[in-house]
Amino acid sequence: MAARGLPVRLGGTELELRPERALHWPGGGVLAVADLHWGKPESFHQHGIPLPPEVLEDDLARLSAALHATGARRLLLVGDLIHSRRGLTREVVERVAAWRTGHDVEMVLVRGNHDRHLDALPGAWRMSLVEPHLDEGPFRFAHHPEPAEGRYVWAGHLHPTVRLSTGADRLRLPCFHLGTGVGVLPAFSAFTGGMDIRPRTGERLFAIAGDSVVEVPPPRRQRSFAGR
């Protein structure tokens, strides 16, 4: 079954929350993702910890799927693209360079805290680097979730997750966390930890459930569902 995004409106602007863990802004031709952490297994390998190297392949395939599904002209990488200097191995550089040849889109990295070691990105990746944020239309794209006057901020950094329960069943899923002035994207890499979010009044959570995105009812409604 094809992945299905969930349309939302913010300040009169149409957006789509994608199950590939991405934000699609059709009017801007933009796809935005955060916290890819490329090279994380390779960083652990250098400490003798044998994590699976195919994580990068899975993430690149999912990123390709999101680009193809949306037809986005620009890809904004909202921080923490590279996990660490040690993770930027020759194999990672070459694999991403090969993947890049198949995508004729503009790519922009907004520097995150894990990217602070980067003096420059590998030239074959054809990505530009900006900091500390990028303003586009009514939005600001920044790695850290800090409000900005006059703009809605899309950020990463926190790796939001939500816990769901119905009776004896328990789930913990990555999610989009939308506040009144700041929206936090889920970590794009599936090989990351997460921070459980309990929404405050006026905030909304959208869980990624397989190939779909679904809005999570507020906590009081979750309890009533559990009692059915």
Protein backbone atom coordinates (compact mmCIF):
# COMPACT_ATOMS: atom_id res chain seq x y z
CA MET A 1 0.00 0.00 0.00
CA ALA A 2 1.30 3.43 -0.92
CA ALA A 3 2.31 5.69 1.96
CA ARG A 4 -0.32 8.32 2.76
CA GLY A 5 0.39 11.74 4.14
CA LEU A 6 -1.98 13.67 6.37
CA PRO A 7 -2.93 17.22 5.26
CA VAL A 8 -2.87 19.98 7.87
CA ARG A 9 -3.26 23.76 7.66
CA LEU A 10 -1.13 26.27 9.54
CA GLY A 11 -1.92 29.96 9.17
CA GLY A 12 -3.75 29.29 5.92
CA THR A 13 -0.87 27.28 4.43
CA GLU A 14 -1.44 23.73 3.24
CA LEU A 15 1.07 21.19 4.52
CA GLU A 16 1.34 17.42 4.56
CA LEU A 17 2.79 15.27 7.33
CA ARG A 18 4.40 12.30 5.62
CA PRO A 19 4.81 8.78 7.07
CA GLU A 20 8.38 8.74 5.74
CA ARG A 21 8.99 11.09 8.72
CA ALA A 22 8.98 14.19 6.57
CA LEU A 23 7.11 17.47 6.20
CA HIS A 24 5.84 18.39 2.74
CA TRP A 25 5.03 22.01 1.92
CA PRO A 26 3.47 21.76 -1.57
CA GLY A 27 3.23 25.51 -2.15
CA GLY A 28 6.96 25.93 -1.53
CA GLY A 29 7.97 22.75 -3.34
CA VAL A 30 9.74 21.79 -0.11
CA LEU A 31 10.33 18.52 1.68
CA ALA A 32 11.86 18.92 5.16
CA VAL A 33 13.42 16.26 7.38
CA ALA A 34 15.48 16.40 10.56
CA ASP A 35 17.96 14.31 12.50
CA LEU A 36 19.24 11.87 9.89
CA HIS A 37 22.42 11.05 11.85
CA TRP A 38 24.21 9.52 8.87
CA GLY A 39 27.29 7.56 9.91
CA LYS A 40 25.99 6.67 13.37
CA PRO A 41 26.65 2.91 13.05
CA GLU A 42 30.10 3.68 11.62
CA SER A 43 30.83 5.84 14.66
CA PHE A 44 29.99 2.91 16.94
CA HIS A 45 32.02 0.53 14.81
CA GLN A 46 35.14 2.52 15.63
CA HIS A 47 34.48 1.80 19.30
CA GLY A 48 34.14 -1.93 18.59
CA ILE A 49 30.33 -2.00 18.75
CA PRO A 50 28.93 -3.96 15.75
CA LEU A 51 25.79 -2.05 14.85
CA PRO A 52 24.12 -2.93 11.51
CA PRO A 53 25.56 -0.83 8.65
CA GLU A 54 22.45 -1.10 6.46
CA VAL A 55 20.74 1.70 8.42
CA LEU A 56 21.99 4.22 5.88
CA GLU A 57 20.54 2.17 3.01
CA ASP A 58 17.13 2.05 4.67
CA ASP A 59 17.14 5.80 5.34
CA LEU A 60 18.23 6.70 1.82
CA ALA A 61 15.51 4.48 0.34
CA ARG A 62 12.88 6.14 2.51
CA LEU A 63 14.15 9.59 1.61
CA SER A 64 13.98 8.69 -2.08
CA ALA A 65 10.42 7.46 -1.60
CA ALA A 66 9.39 10.76 0.00
CA LEU A 67 10.99 12.81 -2.77
CA HIS A 68 9.35 10.76 -5.49
CA ALA A 69 5.94 10.75 -3.79
CA THR A 70 5.85 14.51 -3.31
CA GLY A 71 7.77 15.77 -6.35
CA ALA A 72 9.49 18.30 -4.08
CA ARG A 73 12.02 20.60 -5.75
CA ARG A 74 13.94 21.37 -2.56
CA LEU A 75 15.04 19.17 0.32
CA LEU A 76 15.70 20.94 3.61
CA LEU A 77 17.73 18.94 6.12
CA VAL A 78 16.93 20.50 9.48
CA GLY A 79 20.06 19.63 11.37
CA ASP A 80 22.08 16.68 12.62
CA LEU A 81 22.82 15.26 9.19
CA ILE A 82 26.13 13.68 10.23
CA HIS A 83 26.30 11.93 13.59
CA SER A 84 30.00 12.56 14.25
CA ARG A 85 33.27 13.25 12.50
CA ARG A 86 34.25 9.58 12.92
CA GLY A 87 31.06 8.51 11.15
CA LEU A 88 31.92 10.40 7.99
CA THR A 89 33.84 7.48 6.51
CA ARG A 90 34.85 7.11 2.87
CA GLU A 91 32.13 4.48 2.44
CA VAL A 92 29.44 6.83 3.78
CA VAL A 93 30.65 9.71 1.58
CA GLU A 94 30.68 7.52 -1.53
CA ARG A 95 27.31 5.88 -0.84
CA VAL A 96 25.55 9.22 -0.31
CA ALA A 97 27.29 10.66 -3.40
CA ALA A 98 25.97 7.77 -5.49
CA TRP A 99 22.48 8.27 -4.08
CA ARG A 100 22.68 12.02 -4.81
CA THR A 101 23.20 11.43 -8.53
CA GLY A 102 19.64 10.10 -8.73
CA HIS A 103 18.00 13.23 -7.30
CA ASP A 104 17.93 16.47 -9.27
CA VAL A 105 16.71 18.65 -6.41
CA GLU A 106 18.27 21.45 -4.39
CA MET A 107 19.45 20.29 -0.96
CA VAL A 108 20.14 22.60 1.95
CA LEU A 109 21.45 21.63 5.38
CA VAL A 110 20.58 23.83 8.36
CA ARG A 111 23.45 23.09 10.71
CA GLY A 112 22.58 21.19 13.90
CA ASN A 113 24.62 20.51 17.01
CA HIS A 114 25.90 17.18 15.60
CA ASP A 115 27.06 19.03 12.47
CA ARG A 116 29.25 21.49 14.35
CA HIS A 117 32.40 19.55 13.35
CA LEU A 118 31.70 20.08 9.64
CA ASP A 119 33.92 22.66 7.97
CA ALA A 120 32.31 21.79 4.63
CA LEU A 121 30.12 19.07 3.18
CA PRO A 122 31.55 16.60 0.66
CA GLY A 123 31.38 18.32 -2.74
CA ALA A 124 29.80 15.31 -4.47
CA TRP A 125 26.76 15.65 -2.22
CA ARG A 126 25.89 19.02 -3.80
CA MET A 127 24.37 20.43 -0.62
CA SER A 128 24.61 23.96 0.68
CA LEU A 129 25.04 24.71 4.38
CA VAL A 130 23.31 27.50 6.31
CA GLU A 131 23.14 28.48 9.98
CA PRO A 132 21.59 29.04 12.37
CA HIS A 133 18.28 28.95 10.46
CA LEU A 134 16.58 29.36 7.09
CA ASP A 135 13.54 31.59 6.59
CA GLU A 136 11.16 30.54 3.81
CA GLY A 137 7.73 32.17 3.33
CA PRO A 138 5.81 32.06 6.60
CA PHE A 139 8.19 29.50 8.11
CA ARG A 140 11.57 29.32 9.79
CA PHE A 141 13.52 26.08 9.58
CA ALA A 142 15.95 25.68 12.47
CA HIS A 143 17.45 22.72 14.28
CA HIS A 144 16.61 23.87 17.81
CA PRO A 145 12.91 24.35 18.61
CA GLU A 146 12.90 28.00 19.62
CA PRO A 147 10.04 30.36 18.73
CA ALA A 148 10.54 33.21 16.25
CA GLU A 149 8.44 36.34 16.10
CA GLY A 150 6.29 36.48 12.99
CA ARG A 151 7.14 32.99 11.71
CA TYR A 152 6.13 29.44 12.47
CA VAL A 153 9.24 27.43 13.26
CA TRP A 154 9.89 23.89 12.03
CA ALA A 155 12.64 22.21 14.04
CA GLY A 156 14.14 18.88 15.01
CA HIS A 157 16.60 17.95 17.78
CA LEU A 158 14.11 16.41 20.22
CA HIS A 159 13.16 13.16 18.38
CA PRO A 160 9.54 13.30 19.63
CA THR A 161 7.68 10.05 20.34
CA VAL A 162 4.25 9.26 21.77
CA ARG A 163 3.12 6.36 23.93
CA LEU A 164 -0.29 4.86 23.17
CA SER A 165 -2.21 2.35 25.24
CA THR A 166 -5.48 0.48 24.88
CA GLY A 167 -6.02 -2.06 27.64
CA ALA A 168 -2.97 -4.34 27.76
CA ASP A 169 -1.55 -3.06 24.45
CA ARG A 170 1.28 -0.55 24.44
CA LEU A 171 2.89 1.29 21.54
CA ARG A 172 5.64 3.87 21.29
CA LEU A 173 5.70 5.66 17.95
CA PRO A 174 7.62 8.56 16.40
CA CYS A 175 5.45 11.62 16.00
CA PHE A 176 5.11 15.20 14.82
CA HIS A 177 4.63 17.62 17.72
CA LEU A 178 2.82 20.78 16.66
CA GLY A 179 2.66 23.69 19.08
CA THR A 180 1.23 27.15 18.52
CA GLY A 181 4.52 28.63 17.30
CA VAL A 182 6.88 25.67 16.87
CA GLY A 183 6.48 22.29 15.22
CA VAL A 184 9.00 19.53 15.88
CA LEU A 185 9.66 16.91 13.23
CA PRO A 186 10.28 13.26 14.12
CA ALA A 187 13.85 12.04 13.81
CA PHE A 188 14.20 10.84 10.24
CA SER A 189 16.62 8.06 11.08
CA ALA A 190 14.92 5.00 12.51
CA PHE A 191 18.15 4.35 14.40
CA THR A 192 17.65 7.00 17.07
CA GLY A 193 16.19 7.26 20.53
CA GLY A 194 13.17 9.41 21.29
CA MET A 195 11.61 11.73 23.84
CA ASP A 196 8.03 10.98 24.90
CA ILE A 197 5.76 14.00 24.53
CA ARG A 198 2.68 14.82 26.58
CA PRO A 199 0.97 17.66 24.76
CA ARG A 200 -0.03 20.79 26.58
CA THR A 201 -3.22 22.69 25.86
CA GLY A 202 -3.29 23.79 22.23
CA GLU A 203 -0.63 21.32 21.11
CA ARG A 204 -1.24 18.40 18.74
CA LEU A 205 0.52 15.10 18.19
CA PHE A 206 0.52 13.12 14.96
CA ALA A 207 1.84 9.58 15.22
CA ILE A 208 3.47 7.70 12.37
CA ALA A 209 1.73 4.34 12.15
CA GLY A 210 3.20 2.24 9.37
CA ASP A 211 2.35 3.89 6.04
CA SER A 212 0.00 6.44 7.56
CA VAL A 213 0.02 9.47 9.85
CA VAL A 214 -2.78 9.72 12.42
CA GLU A 215 -3.64 12.43 14.91
CA VAL A 216 -3.42 11.27 18.52
CA PRO A 217 -6.40 12.25 20.69
CA PRO A 218 -5.63 14.40 23.73
CA PRO A 219 -4.81 12.42 26.93
CA ARG A 220 -8.35 12.55 28.35
CA ARG A 221 -9.79 10.98 25.18
CA GLN A 222 -7.02 8.35 25.20
CA ARG A 223 -8.20 7.24 28.65
CA SER A 224 -11.82 6.95 27.48
CA PHE A 225 -10.71 4.82 24.51
CA ALA A 226 -8.80 2.52 26.88
CA GLY A 227 -11.95 1.92 28.93
CA ARG A 228 -14.07 0.70 26.04
